[in-house]
Amino acid sequence: HKIAGGISYLRDHAFIRKLLVFQIIILF
């Protein structure tokens, strides 16, 4: 349930979601 809460947090907070996408692209 806490893991699902973390995923929901990503879904609800655009700046964290964008940061994660940016991080994955750049590191690749």
mmCIF file of all heavy atoms, coordinates in Angstrom:
data_MODEL
# 
_entry.id   MODEL 
# 
loop_
_atom_site.group_PDB 
_atom_site.id 
_atom_site.type_symbol 
_atom_site.label_atom_id 
_atom_site.label_alt_id 
_atom_site.label_comp_id 
_atom_site.label_asym_id 
_atom_site.label_entity_id 
_atom_site.label_seq_id 
_atom_site.pdbx_PDB_ins_code 
_atom_site.Cartn_x 
_atom_site.Cartn_y 
_atom_site.Cartn_z 
_atom_site.occupancy 
_atom_site.B_iso_or_equiv 
_atom_site.pdbx_formal_charge 
_atom_site.auth_seq_id 
_atom_site.auth_comp_id 
_atom_site.auth_asym_id 
_atom_site.auth_atom_id 
_atom_site.pdbx_PDB_model_num 
ATOM 1   N N   . HIS A 1 1  ? 0.838  -1.199 0.000   1.00 0.00 ? 1  HIS A N   1 
ATOM 2   C CA  . HIS A 1 1  ? 0.000  0.000  0.000   1.00 0.00 ? 1  HIS A CA  1 
ATOM 3   C C   . HIS A 1 1  ? 0.873  1.250  0.000   1.00 0.00 ? 1  HIS A C   1 
ATOM 4   O O   . HIS A 1 1  ? 0.567  2.249  -0.675  1.00 0.00 ? 1  HIS A O   1 
ATOM 5   C CB  . HIS A 1 1  ? -0.910 -0.006 1.230   1.00 0.00 ? 1  HIS A CB  1 
ATOM 6   C CG  . HIS A 1 1  ? -2.035 0.985  1.153   1.00 0.00 ? 1  HIS A CG  1 
ATOM 7   N ND1 . HIS A 1 1  ? -1.875 2.305  1.500   1.00 0.00 ? 1  HIS A ND1 1 
ATOM 8   C CD2 . HIS A 1 1  ? -3.327 0.852  0.737   1.00 0.00 ? 1  HIS A CD2 1 
ATOM 9   C CE1 . HIS A 1 1  ? -3.025 2.949  1.336   1.00 0.00 ? 1  HIS A CE1 1 
ATOM 10  N NE2 . HIS A 1 1  ? -3.916 2.089  0.868   1.00 0.00 ? 1  HIS A NE2 1 
ATOM 11  N N   . LYS A 1 2  ? 1.994  1.199  0.725   1.00 0.00 ? 2  LYS A N   1 
ATOM 12  C CA  . LYS A 1 2  ? 2.904  2.341  0.752   1.00 0.00 ? 2  LYS A CA  1 
ATOM 13  C C   . LYS A 1 2  ? 3.607  2.522  -0.590  1.00 0.00 ? 2  LYS A C   1 
ATOM 14  O O   . LYS A 1 2  ? 3.847  3.652  -1.031  1.00 0.00 ? 2  LYS A O   1 
ATOM 15  C CB  . LYS A 1 2  ? 3.924  2.181  1.883   1.00 0.00 ? 2  LYS A CB  1 
ATOM 16  C CG  . LYS A 1 2  ? 3.393  2.597  3.264   1.00 0.00 ? 2  LYS A CG  1 
ATOM 17  C CD  . LYS A 1 2  ? 4.478  2.584  4.296   1.00 0.00 ? 2  LYS A CD  1 
ATOM 18  C CE  . LYS A 1 2  ? 4.024  3.262  5.586   1.00 0.00 ? 2  LYS A CE  1 
ATOM 19  N NZ  . LYS A 1 2  ? 3.899  4.727  5.456   1.00 0.00 ? 2  LYS A NZ  1 
ATOM 20  N N   . ILE A 1 3  ? 3.962  1.410  -1.238  1.00 0.00 ? 3  ILE A N   1 
ATOM 21  C CA  . ILE A 1 3  ? 4.554  1.506  -2.577  1.00 0.00 ? 3  ILE A CA  1 
ATOM 22  C C   . ILE A 1 3  ? 3.550  2.153  -3.538  1.00 0.00 ? 3  ILE A C   1 
ATOM 23  O O   . ILE A 1 3  ? 3.904  3.033  -4.327  1.00 0.00 ? 3  ILE A O   1 
ATOM 24  C CB  . ILE A 1 3  ? 4.975  0.118  -3.089  1.00 0.00 ? 3  ILE A CB  1 
ATOM 25  C CG1 . ILE A 1 3  ? 6.155  -0.418 -2.273  1.00 0.00 ? 3  ILE A CG1 1 
ATOM 26  C CG2 . ILE A 1 3  ? 5.353  0.177  -4.572  1.00 0.00 ? 3  ILE A CG2 1 
ATOM 27  C CD1 . ILE A 1 3  ? 6.517  -1.852 -2.587  1.00 0.00 ? 3  ILE A CD1 1 
ATOM 28  N N   . ALA A 1 4  ? 2.301  1.709  -3.446  1.00 0.00 ? 4  ALA A N   1 
ATOM 29  C CA  . ALA A 1 4  ? 1.242  2.301  -4.279  1.00 0.00 ? 4  ALA A CA  1 
ATOM 30  C C   . ALA A 1 4  ? 1.086  3.784  -3.968  1.00 0.00 ? 4  ALA A C   1 
ATOM 31  O O   . ALA A 1 4  ? 0.851  4.602  -4.878  1.00 0.00 ? 4  ALA A O   1 
ATOM 32  C CB  . ALA A 1 4  ? -0.072 1.568  -4.051  1.00 0.00 ? 4  ALA A CB  1 
ATOM 33  N N   . GLY A 1 5  ? 1.254  4.136  -2.678  1.00 0.00 ? 5  GLY A N   1 
ATOM 34  C CA  . GLY A 1 5  ? 1.191  5.549  -2.290  1.00 0.00 ? 5  GLY A CA  1 
ATOM 35  C C   . GLY A 1 5  ? 2.301  6.360  -2.928  1.00 0.00 ? 5  GLY A C   1 
ATOM 36  O O   . GLY A 1 5  ? 2.095  7.504  -3.344  1.00 0.00 ? 5  GLY A O   1 
ATOM 37  N N   . GLY A 1 6  ? 3.499  5.773  -3.011  1.00 0.00 ? 6  GLY A N   1 
ATOM 38  C CA  . GLY A 1 6  ? 4.615  6.446  -3.669  1.00 0.00 ? 6  GLY A CA  1 
ATOM 39  C C   . GLY A 1 6  ? 4.359  6.648  -5.149  1.00 0.00 ? 6  GLY A C   1 
ATOM 40  O O   . GLY A 1 6  ? 4.659  7.716  -5.709  1.00 0.00 ? 6  GLY A O   1 
ATOM 41  N N   . ILE A 1 7  ? 3.789  5.626  -5.812  1.00 0.00 ? 7  ILE A N   1 
ATOM 42  C CA  . ILE A 1 7  ? 3.464  5.735  -7.235  1.00 0.00 ? 7  ILE A CA  1 
ATOM 43  C C   . ILE A 1 7  ? 2.379  6.794  -7.449  1.00 0.00 ? 7  ILE A C   1 
ATOM 44  O O   . ILE A 1 7  ? 2.437  7.584  -8.401  1.00 0.00 ? 7  ILE A O   1 
ATOM 45  C CB  . ILE A 1 7  ? 3.023  4.365  -7.787  1.00 0.00 ? 7  ILE A CB  1 
ATOM 46  C CG1 . ILE A 1 7  ? 4.204  3.377  -7.733  1.00 0.00 ? 7  ILE A CG1 1 
ATOM 47  C CG2 . ILE A 1 7  ? 2.507  4.496  -9.214  1.00 0.00 ? 7  ILE A CG2 1 
ATOM 48  C CD1 . ILE A 1 7  ? 3.830  1.953  -8.055  1.00 0.00 ? 7  ILE A CD1 1 
ATOM 49  N N   . SER A 1 8  ? 1.397  6.832  -6.547  1.00 0.00 ? 8  SER A N   1 
ATOM 50  C CA  . SER A 1 8  ? 0.345  7.854  -6.637  1.00 0.00 ? 8  SER A CA  1 
ATOM 51  C C   . SER A 1 8  ? 0.928  9.255  -6.466  1.00 0.00 ? 8  SER A C   1 
ATOM 52  O O   . SER A 1 8  ? 0.495  10.207 -7.130  1.00 0.00 ? 8  SER A O   1 
ATOM 53  C CB  . SER A 1 8  ? -0.722 7.603  -5.563  1.00 0.00 ? 8  SER A CB  1 
ATOM 54  O OG  . SER A 1 8  ? -1.380 6.382  -5.784  1.00 0.00 ? 8  SER A OG  1 
ATOM 55  N N   . TYR A 1 9  ? 1.919  9.357  -5.583  1.00 0.00 ? 9  TYR A N   1 
ATOM 56  C CA  . TYR A 1 9  ? 2.576  10.648 -5.369  1.00 0.00 ? 9  TYR A CA  1 
ATOM 57  C C   . TYR A 1 9  ? 3.242  11.127 -6.661  1.00 0.00 ? 9  TYR A C   1 
ATOM 58  O O   . TYR A 1 9  ? 3.161  12.303 -7.020  1.00 0.00 ? 9  TYR A O   1 
ATOM 59  C CB  . TYR A 1 9  ? 3.611  10.529 -4.246  1.00 0.00 ? 9  TYR A CB  1 
ATOM 60  C CG  . TYR A 1 9  ? 4.177  11.852 -3.783  1.00 0.00 ? 9  TYR A CG  1 
ATOM 61  C CD1 . TYR A 1 9  ? 3.591  12.556 -2.739  1.00 0.00 ? 9  TYR A CD1 1 
ATOM 62  C CD2 . TYR A 1 9  ? 5.301  12.410 -4.402  1.00 0.00 ? 9  TYR A CD2 1 
ATOM 63  C CE1 . TYR A 1 9  ? 4.107  13.775 -2.309  1.00 0.00 ? 9  TYR A CE1 1 
ATOM 64  C CE2 . TYR A 1 9  ? 5.824  13.626 -3.990  1.00 0.00 ? 9  TYR A CE2 1 
ATOM 65  C CZ  . TYR A 1 9  ? 5.219  14.296 -2.937  1.00 0.00 ? 9  TYR A CZ  1 
ATOM 66  O OH  . TYR A 1 9  ? 5.727  15.508 -2.529  1.00 0.00 ? 9  TYR A OH  1 
ATOM 67  N N   . LEU A 1 10 ? 3.899  10.200 -7.364  1.00 0.00 ? 10 LEU A N   1 
ATOM 68  C CA  . LEU A 1 10 ? 4.511  10.544 -8.649  1.00 0.00 ? 10 LEU A CA  1 
ATOM 69  C C   . LEU A 1 10 ? 3.455  11.009 -9.640  1.00 0.00 ? 10 LEU A C   1 
ATOM 70  O O   . LEU A 1 10 ? 3.654  11.983 -10.374 1.00 0.00 ? 10 LEU A O   1 
ATOM 71  C CB  . LEU A 1 10 ? 5.258  9.336  -9.223  1.00 0.00 ? 10 LEU A CB  1 
ATOM 72  C CG  . LEU A 1 10 ? 6.592  8.946  -8.596  1.00 0.00 ? 10 LEU A CG  1 
ATOM 73  C CD1 . LEU A 1 10 ? 7.139  7.708  -9.283  1.00 0.00 ? 10 LEU A CD1 1 
ATOM 74  C CD2 . LEU A 1 10 ? 7.598  10.082 -8.699  1.00 0.00 ? 10 LEU A CD2 1 
ATOM 75  N N   . ARG A 1 11 ? 2.318  10.314 -9.660  1.00 0.00 ? 11 ARG A N   1 
ATOM 76  C CA  . ARG A 1 11 ? 1.249  10.650 -10.597 1.00 0.00 ? 11 ARG A CA  1 
ATOM 77  C C   . ARG A 1 11 ? 0.662  12.034 -10.298 1.00 0.00 ? 11 ARG A C   1 
ATOM 78  O O   . ARG A 1 11 ? 0.302  12.776 -11.221 1.00 0.00 ? 11 ARG A O   1 
ATOM 79  C CB  . ARG A 1 11 ? 0.153  9.587  -10.529 1.00 0.00 ? 11 ARG A CB  1 
ATOM 80  C CG  . ARG A 1 11 ? -0.934 9.759  -11.585 1.00 0.00 ? 11 ARG A CG  1 
ATOM 81  C CD  . ARG A 1 11 ? -2.007 8.692  -11.478 1.00 0.00 ? 11 ARG A CD  1 
ATOM 82  N NE  . ARG A 1 11 ? -2.726 8.768  -10.199 1.00 0.00 ? 11 ARG A NE  1 
ATOM 83  C CZ  . ARG A 1 11 ? -2.707 7.813  -9.279  1.00 0.00 ? 11 ARG A CZ  1 
ATOM 84  N NH1 . ARG A 1 11 ? -2.023 6.708  -9.486  1.00 0.00 ? 11 ARG A NH1 1 
ATOM 85  N NH2 . ARG A 1 11 ? -3.384 7.944  -8.154  1.00 0.00 ? 11 ARG A NH2 1 
ATOM 86  N N   . ASP A 1 12 ? 0.602  12.383 -9.016  1.00 0.00 ? 12 ASP A N   1 
ATOM 87  C CA  . ASP A 1 12 ? -0.050 13.633 -8.616  1.00 0.00 ? 12 ASP A CA  1 
ATOM 88  C C   . ASP A 1 12 ? 0.895  14.832 -8.600  1.00 0.00 ? 12 ASP A C   1 
ATOM 89  O O   . ASP A 1 12 ? 0.442  15.970 -8.453  1.00 0.00 ? 12 ASP A O   1 
ATOM 90  C CB  . ASP A 1 12 ? -0.673 13.477 -7.223  1.00 0.00 ? 12 ASP A CB  1 
ATOM 91  C CG  . ASP A 1 12 ? -1.784 12.432 -7.194  1.00 0.00 ? 12 ASP A CG  1 
ATOM 92  O OD1 . ASP A 1 12 ? -2.348 12.152 -8.273  1.00 0.00 ? 12 ASP A OD1 1 
ATOM 93  O OD2 . ASP A 1 12 ? -2.055 11.887 -6.112  1.00 0.00 ? 12 ASP A OD2 1 
ATOM 94  N N   . HIS A 1 13 ? 2.201  14.599 -8.704  1.00 0.00 ? 13 HIS A N   1 
ATOM 95  C CA  . HIS A 1 13 ? 3.171  15.696 -8.628  1.00 0.00 ? 13 HIS A CA  1 
ATOM 96  C C   . HIS A 1 13 ? 3.990  15.721 -9.915  1.00 0.00 ? 13 HIS A C   1 
ATOM 97  O O   . HIS A 1 13 ? 4.954  14.959 -10.074 1.00 0.00 ? 13 HIS A O   1 
ATOM 98  C CB  . HIS A 1 13 ? 4.078  15.537 -7.400  1.00 0.00 ? 13 HIS A CB  1 
ATOM 99  C CG  . HIS A 1 13 ? 3.340  15.711 -6.101  1.00 0.00 ? 13 HIS A CG  1 
ATOM 100 N ND1 . HIS A 1 13 ? 2.529  14.725 -5.570  1.00 0.00 ? 13 HIS A ND1 1 
ATOM 101 C CD2 . HIS A 1 13 ? 3.290  16.763 -5.228  1.00 0.00 ? 13 HIS A CD2 1 
ATOM 102 C CE1 . HIS A 1 13 ? 2.010  15.163 -4.430  1.00 0.00 ? 13 HIS A CE1 1 
ATOM 103 N NE2 . HIS A 1 13 ? 2.452  16.388 -4.201  1.00 0.00 ? 13 HIS A NE2 1 
ATOM 104 N N   . ALA A 1 14 ? 3.609  16.613 -10.804 1.00 0.00 ? 14 ALA A N   1 
ATOM 105 C CA  . ALA A 1 14 ? 4.178  16.647 -12.151 1.00 0.00 ? 14 ALA A CA  1 
ATOM 106 C C   . ALA A 1 14 ? 5.677  16.917 -12.142 1.00 0.00 ? 14 ALA A C   1 
ATOM 107 O O   . ALA A 1 14 ? 6.423  16.351 -12.947 1.00 0.00 ? 14 ALA A O   1 
ATOM 108 C CB  . ALA A 1 14 ? 3.461  17.702 -12.989 1.00 0.00 ? 14 ALA A CB  1 
ATOM 109 N N   . PHE A 1 15 ? 6.141  17.780 -11.224 1.00 0.00 ? 15 PHE A N   1 
ATOM 110 C CA  . PHE A 1 15 ? 7.553  18.152 -11.285 1.00 0.00 ? 15 PHE A CA  1 
ATOM 111 C C   . PHE A 1 15 ? 8.449  16.969 -10.948 1.00 0.00 ? 15 PHE A C   1 
ATOM 112 O O   . PHE A 1 15 ? 9.525  16.791 -11.550 1.00 0.00 ? 15 PHE A O   1 
ATOM 113 C CB  . PHE A 1 15 ? 7.838  19.359 -10.375 1.00 0.00 ? 15 PHE A CB  1 
ATOM 114 C CG  . PHE A 1 15 ? 8.224  19.008 -8.962  1.00 0.00 ? 15 PHE A CG  1 
ATOM 115 C CD1 . PHE A 1 15 ? 9.559  18.898 -8.599  1.00 0.00 ? 15 PHE A CD1 1 
ATOM 116 C CD2 . PHE A 1 15 ? 7.249  18.801 -7.993  1.00 0.00 ? 15 PHE A CD2 1 
ATOM 117 C CE1 . PHE A 1 15 ? 9.912  18.586 -7.295  1.00 0.00 ? 15 PHE A CE1 1 
ATOM 118 C CE2 . PHE A 1 15 ? 7.599  18.489 -6.703  1.00 0.00 ? 15 PHE A CE2 1 
ATOM 119 C CZ  . PHE A 1 15 ? 8.941  18.375 -6.343  1.00 0.00 ? 15 PHE A CZ  1 
ATOM 120 N N   . ILE A 1 16 ? 8.009  16.096 -10.017 1.00 0.00 ? 16 ILE A N   1 
ATOM 121 C CA  . ILE A 1 16 ? 8.781  14.898 -9.690  1.00 0.00 ? 16 ILE A CA  1 
ATOM 122 C C   . ILE A 1 16 ? 8.737  13.917 -10.860 1.00 0.00 ? 16 ILE A C   1 
ATOM 123 O O   . ILE A 1 16 ? 9.742  13.286 -11.211 1.00 0.00 ? 16 ILE A O   1 
ATOM 124 C CB  . ILE A 1 16 ? 8.250  14.225 -8.410  1.00 0.00 ? 16 ILE A CB  1 
ATOM 125 C CG1 . ILE A 1 16 ? 8.518  15.114 -7.196  1.00 0.00 ? 16 ILE A CG1 1 
ATOM 126 C CG2 . ILE A 1 16 ? 8.882  12.861 -8.202  1.00 0.00 ? 16 ILE A CG2 1 
ATOM 127 C CD1 . ILE A 1 16 ? 9.986  15.194 -6.818  1.00 0.00 ? 16 ILE A CD1 1 
ATOM 128 N N   . ARG A 1 17 ? 7.579  13.802 -11.472 1.00 0.00 ? 17 ARG A N   1 
ATOM 129 C CA  . ARG A 1 17 ? 7.417  12.894 -12.607 1.00 0.00 ? 17 ARG A CA  1 
ATOM 130 C C   . ARG A 1 17 ? 8.310  13.335 -13.781 1.00 0.00 ? 17 ARG A C   1 
ATOM 131 O O   . ARG A 1 17 ? 8.996  12.515 -14.397 1.00 0.00 ? 17 ARG A O   1 
ATOM 132 C CB  . ARG A 1 17 ? 5.952  12.865 -13.028 1.00 0.00 ? 17 ARG A CB  1 
ATOM 133 C CG  . ARG A 1 17 ? 5.597  11.755 -14.005 1.00 0.00 ? 17 ARG A CG  1 
ATOM 134 C CD  . ARG A 1 17 ? 4.096  11.617 -14.174 1.00 0.00 ? 17 ARG A CD  1 
ATOM 135 N NE  . ARG A 1 17 ? 3.466  12.802 -14.736 1.00 0.00 ? 17 ARG A NE  1 
ATOM 136 C CZ  . ARG A 1 17 ? 2.662  13.616 -14.060 1.00 0.00 ? 17 ARG A CZ  1 
ATOM 137 N NH1 . ARG A 1 17 ? 2.386  13.374 -12.786 1.00 0.00 ? 17 ARG A NH1 1 
ATOM 138 N NH2 . ARG A 1 17 ? 2.117  14.669 -14.652 1.00 0.00 ? 17 ARG A NH2 1 
ATOM 139 N N   . LYS A 1 18 ? 8.294  14.653 -14.066 1.00 0.00 ? 18 LYS A N   1 
ATOM 140 C CA  . LYS A 1 18 ? 9.142  15.176 -15.140 1.00 0.00 ? 18 LYS A CA  1 
ATOM 141 C C   . LYS A 1 18 ? 10.622 14.985 -14.810 1.00 0.00 ? 18 LYS A C   1 
ATOM 142 O O   . LYS A 1 18 ? 11.434 14.657 -15.688 1.00 0.00 ? 18 LYS A O   1 
ATOM 143 C CB  . LYS A 1 18 ? 8.850  16.657 -15.367 1.00 0.00 ? 18 LYS A CB  1 
ATOM 144 C CG  . LYS A 1 18 ? 7.481  16.940 -15.969 1.00 0.00 ? 18 LYS A CG  1 
ATOM 145 C CD  . LYS A 1 18 ? 7.246  18.445 -16.057 1.00 0.00 ? 18 LYS A CD  1 
ATOM 146 C CE  . LYS A 1 18 ? 5.841  18.758 -16.548 1.00 0.00 ? 18 LYS A CE  1 
ATOM 147 N NZ  . LYS A 1 18 ? 5.582  20.222 -16.542 1.00 0.00 ? 18 LYS A NZ  1 
ATOM 148 N N   . LEU A 1 19 ? 10.968 15.184 -13.534 1.00 0.00 ? 19 LEU A N   1 
ATOM 149 C CA  . LEU A 1 19 ? 12.356 15.022 -13.109 1.00 0.00 ? 19 LEU A CA  1 
ATOM 150 C C   . LEU A 1 19 ? 12.814 13.578 -13.299 1.00 0.00 ? 19 LEU A C   1 
ATOM 151 O O   . LEU A 1 19 ? 13.938 13.325 -13.761 1.00 0.00 ? 19 LEU A O   1 
ATOM 152 C CB  . LEU A 1 19 ? 12.498 15.432 -11.636 1.00 0.00 ? 19 LEU A CB  1 
ATOM 153 C CG  . LEU A 1 19 ? 13.880 15.265 -10.991 1.00 0.00 ? 19 LEU A CG  1 
ATOM 154 C CD1 . LEU A 1 19 ? 14.928 16.043 -11.766 1.00 0.00 ? 19 LEU A CD1 1 
ATOM 155 C CD2 . LEU A 1 19 ? 13.845 15.720 -9.537  1.00 0.00 ? 19 LEU A CD2 1 
ATOM 156 N N   . LEU A 1 20 ? 11.949 12.639 -12.971 1.00 0.00 ? 20 LEU A N   1 
ATOM 157 C CA  . LEU A 1 20 ? 12.288 11.218 -13.114 1.00 0.00 ? 20 LEU A CA  1 
ATOM 158 C C   . LEU A 1 20 ? 12.480 10.869 -14.599 1.00 0.00 ? 20 LEU A C   1 
ATOM 159 O O   . LEU A 1 20 ? 13.439 10.159 -14.952 1.00 0.00 ? 20 LEU A O   1 
ATOM 160 C CB  . LEU A 1 20 ? 11.179 10.359 -12.503 1.00 0.00 ? 20 LEU A CB  1 
ATOM 161 C CG  . LEU A 1 20 ? 11.504 8.896  -12.217 1.00 0.00 ? 20 LEU A CG  1 
ATOM 162 C CD1 . LEU A 1 20 ? 12.615 8.783  -11.189 1.00 0.00 ? 20 LEU A CD1 1 
ATOM 163 C CD2 . LEU A 1 20 ? 10.261 8.166  -11.713 1.00 0.00 ? 20 LEU A CD2 1 
ATOM 164 N N   . VAL A 1 21 ? 11.605 11.370 -15.458 1.00 0.00 ? 21 VAL A N   1 
ATOM 165 C CA  . VAL A 1 21 ? 11.727 11.114 -16.907 1.00 0.00 ? 21 VAL A CA  1 
ATOM 166 C C   . VAL A 1 21 ? 13.021 11.718 -17.434 1.00 0.00 ? 21 VAL A C   1 
ATOM 167 O O   . VAL A 1 21 ? 13.775 11.073 -18.187 1.00 0.00 ? 21 VAL A O   1 
ATOM 168 C CB  . VAL A 1 21 ? 10.506 11.688 -17.656 1.00 0.00 ? 21 VAL A CB  1 
ATOM 169 C CG1 . VAL A 1 21 ? 10.735 11.650 -19.169 1.00 0.00 ? 21 VAL A CG1 1 
ATOM 170 C CG2 . VAL A 1 21 ? 9.243  10.921 -17.291 1.00 0.00 ? 21 VAL A CG2 1 
ATOM 171 N N   . PHE A 1 22 ? 13.298 12.966 -17.038 1.00 0.00 ? 22 PHE A N   1 
ATOM 172 C CA  . PHE A 1 22 ? 14.525 13.635 -17.465 1.00 0.00 ? 22 PHE A CA  1 
ATOM 173 C C   . PHE A 1 22 ? 15.755 12.844 -17.015 1.00 0.00 ? 22 PHE A C   1 
ATOM 174 O O   . PHE A 1 22 ? 16.695 12.642 -17.798 1.00 0.00 ? 22 PHE A O   1 
ATOM 175 C CB  . PHE A 1 22 ? 14.564 15.051 -16.877 1.00 0.00 ? 22 PHE A CB  1 
ATOM 176 C CG  . PHE A 1 22 ? 15.807 15.831 -17.215 1.00 0.00 ? 22 PHE A CG  1 
ATOM 177 C CD1 . PHE A 1 22 ? 15.987 16.368 -18.477 1.00 0.00 ? 22 PHE A CD1 1 
ATOM 178 C CD2 . PHE A 1 22 ? 16.795 16.037 -16.252 1.00 0.00 ? 22 PHE A CD2 1 
ATOM 179 C CE1 . PHE A 1 22 ? 17.133 17.098 -18.793 1.00 0.00 ? 22 PHE A CE1 1 
ATOM 180 C CE2 . PHE A 1 22 ? 17.937 16.754 -16.561 1.00 0.00 ? 22 PHE A CE2 1 
ATOM 181 C CZ  . PHE A 1 22 ? 18.104 17.288 -17.831 1.00 0.00 ? 22 PHE A CZ  1 
ATOM 182 N N   . GLN A 1 23 ? 15.741 12.389 -15.775 1.00 0.00 ? 23 GLN A N   1 
ATOM 183 C CA  . GLN A 1 23 ? 16.868 11.635 -15.226 1.00 0.00 ? 23 GLN A CA  1 
ATOM 184 C C   . GLN A 1 23 ? 17.124 10.348 -16.016 1.00 0.00 ? 23 GLN A C   1 
ATOM 185 O O   . GLN A 1 23 ? 18.263 10.023 -16.353 1.00 0.00 ? 23 GLN A O   1 
ATOM 186 C CB  . GLN A 1 23 ? 16.576 11.304 -13.752 1.00 0.00 ? 23 GLN A CB  1 
ATOM 187 C CG  . GLN A 1 23 ? 17.611 10.432 -13.064 1.00 0.00 ? 23 GLN A CG  1 
ATOM 188 C CD  . GLN A 1 23 ? 18.766 11.220 -12.494 1.00 0.00 ? 23 GLN A CD  1 
ATOM 189 O OE1 . GLN A 1 23 ? 19.125 12.262 -13.018 1.00 0.00 ? 23 GLN A OE1 1 
ATOM 190 N NE2 . GLN A 1 23 ? 19.350 10.706 -11.426 1.00 0.00 ? 23 GLN A NE2 1 
ATOM 191 N N   . ILE A 1 24 ? 16.062 9.628  -16.316 1.00 0.00 ? 24 ILE A N   1 
ATOM 192 C CA  . ILE A 1 24 ? 16.210 8.363  -17.054 1.00 0.00 ? 24 ILE A CA  1 
ATOM 193 C C   . ILE A 1 24 ? 16.788 8.607  -18.451 1.00 0.00 ? 24 ILE A C   1 
ATOM 194 O O   . ILE A 1 24 ? 17.706 7.911  -18.887 1.00 0.00 ? 24 ILE A O   1 
ATOM 195 C CB  . ILE A 1 24 ? 14.848 7.638  -17.148 1.00 0.00 ? 24 ILE A CB  1 
ATOM 196 C CG1 . ILE A 1 24 ? 14.422 7.135  -15.752 1.00 0.00 ? 24 ILE A CG1 1 
ATOM 197 C CG2 . ILE A 1 24 ? 14.921 6.467  -18.124 1.00 0.00 ? 24 ILE A CG2 1 
ATOM 198 C CD1 . ILE A 1 24 ? 12.995 6.615  -15.700 1.00 0.00 ? 24 ILE A CD1 1 
ATOM 199 N N   . ILE A 1 25 ? 16.272 9.628  -19.150 1.00 0.00 ? 25 ILE A N   1 
ATOM 200 C CA  . ILE A 1 25 ? 16.742 9.923  -20.512 1.00 0.00 ? 25 ILE A CA  1 
ATOM 201 C C   . ILE A 1 25 ? 18.219 10.321 -20.491 1.00 0.00 ? 25 ILE A C   1 
ATOM 202 O O   . ILE A 1 25 ? 19.031 9.809  -21.280 1.00 0.00 ? 25 ILE A O   1 
ATOM 203 C CB  . ILE A 1 25 ? 15.899 11.043 -21.150 1.00 0.00 ? 25 ILE A CB  1 
ATOM 204 C CG1 . ILE A 1 25 ? 14.451 10.572 -21.360 1.00 0.00 ? 25 ILE A CG1 1 
ATOM 205 C CG2 . ILE A 1 25 ? 16.501 11.480 -22.488 1.00 0.00 ? 25 ILE A CG2 1 
ATOM 206 C CD1 . ILE A 1 25 ? 13.507 11.677 -21.788 1.00 0.00 ? 25 ILE A CD1 1 
ATOM 207 N N   . ILE A 1 26 ? 18.573 11.227 -19.577 1.00 0.00 ? 26 ILE A N   1 
ATOM 208 C CA  . ILE A 1 26 ? 19.953 11.731 -19.535 1.00 0.00 ? 26 ILE A CA  1 
ATOM 209 C C   . ILE A 1 26 ? 20.924 10.623 -19.139 1.00 0.00 ? 26 ILE A C   1 
ATOM 210 O O   . ILE A 1 26 ? 21.995 10.462 -19.761 1.00 0.00 ? 26 ILE A O   1 
ATOM 211 C CB  . ILE A 1 26 ? 20.069 12.929 -18.570 1.00 0.00 ? 26 ILE A CB  1 
ATOM 212 C CG1 . ILE A 1 26 ? 19.236 14.106 -19.069 1.00 0.00 ? 26 ILE A CG1 1 
ATOM 213 C CG2 . ILE A 1 26 ? 21.524 13.332 -18.384 1.00 0.00 ? 26 ILE A CG2 1 
ATOM 214 C CD1 . ILE A 1 26 ? 19.653 14.639 -20.427 1.00 0.00 ? 26 ILE A CD1 1 
ATOM 215 N N   . LEU A 1 27 ? 20.580 9.839  -18.122 1.00 0.00 ? 27 LEU A N   1 
ATOM 216 C CA  . LEU A 1 27 ? 21.485 8.770  -17.688 1.00 0.00 ? 27 LEU A CA  1 
ATOM 217 C C   . LEU A 1 27 ? 21.673 7.723  -18.782 1.00 0.00 ? 27 LEU A C   1 
ATOM 218 O O   . LEU A 1 27 ? 22.764 7.171  -18.944 1.00 0.00 ? 27 LEU A O   1 
ATOM 219 C CB  . LEU A 1 27 ? 20.961 8.123  -16.406 1.00 0.00 ? 27 LEU A CB  1 
ATOM 220 C CG  . LEU A 1 27 ? 21.035 8.980  -15.143 1.00 0.00 ? 27 LEU A CG  1 
ATOM 221 C CD1 . LEU A 1 27 ? 20.466 8.228  -13.947 1.00 0.00 ? 27 LEU A CD1 1 
ATOM 222 C CD2 . LEU A 1 27 ? 22.460 9.416  -14.848 1.00 0.00 ? 27 LEU A CD2 1 
ATOM 223 N N   . PHE A 1 28 ? 20.614 7.441  -19.520 1.00 0.00 ? 28 PHE A N   1 
ATOM 224 C CA  . PHE A 1 28 ? 20.728 6.507  -20.651 1.00 0.00 ? 28 PHE A CA  1 
ATOM 225 C C   . PHE A 1 28 ? 21.726 7.047  -21.679 1.00 0.00 ? 28 PHE A C   1 
ATOM 226 O O   . PHE A 1 28 ? 22.596 6.315  -22.167 1.00 0.00 ? 28 PHE A O   1 
ATOM 227 C CB  . PHE A 1 28 ? 19.350 6.306  -21.292 1.00 0.00 ? 28 PHE A CB  1 
ATOM 228 C CG  . PHE A 1 28 ? 19.355 5.403  -22.495 1.00 0.00 ? 28 PHE A CG  1 
ATOM 229 C CD1 . PHE A 1 28 ? 19.209 4.032  -22.345 1.00 0.00 ? 28 PHE A CD1 1 
ATOM 230 C CD2 . PHE A 1 28 ? 19.504 5.920  -23.781 1.00 0.00 ? 28 PHE A CD2 1 
ATOM 231 C CE1 . PHE A 1 28 ? 19.209 3.185  -23.459 1.00 0.00 ? 28 PHE A CE1 1 
ATOM 232 C CE2 . PHE A 1 28 ? 19.506 5.087  -24.895 1.00 0.00 ? 28 PHE A CE2 1 
ATOM 233 C CZ  . PHE A 1 28 ? 19.364 3.715  -24.728 1.00 0.00 ? 28 PHE A CZ  1 
# 
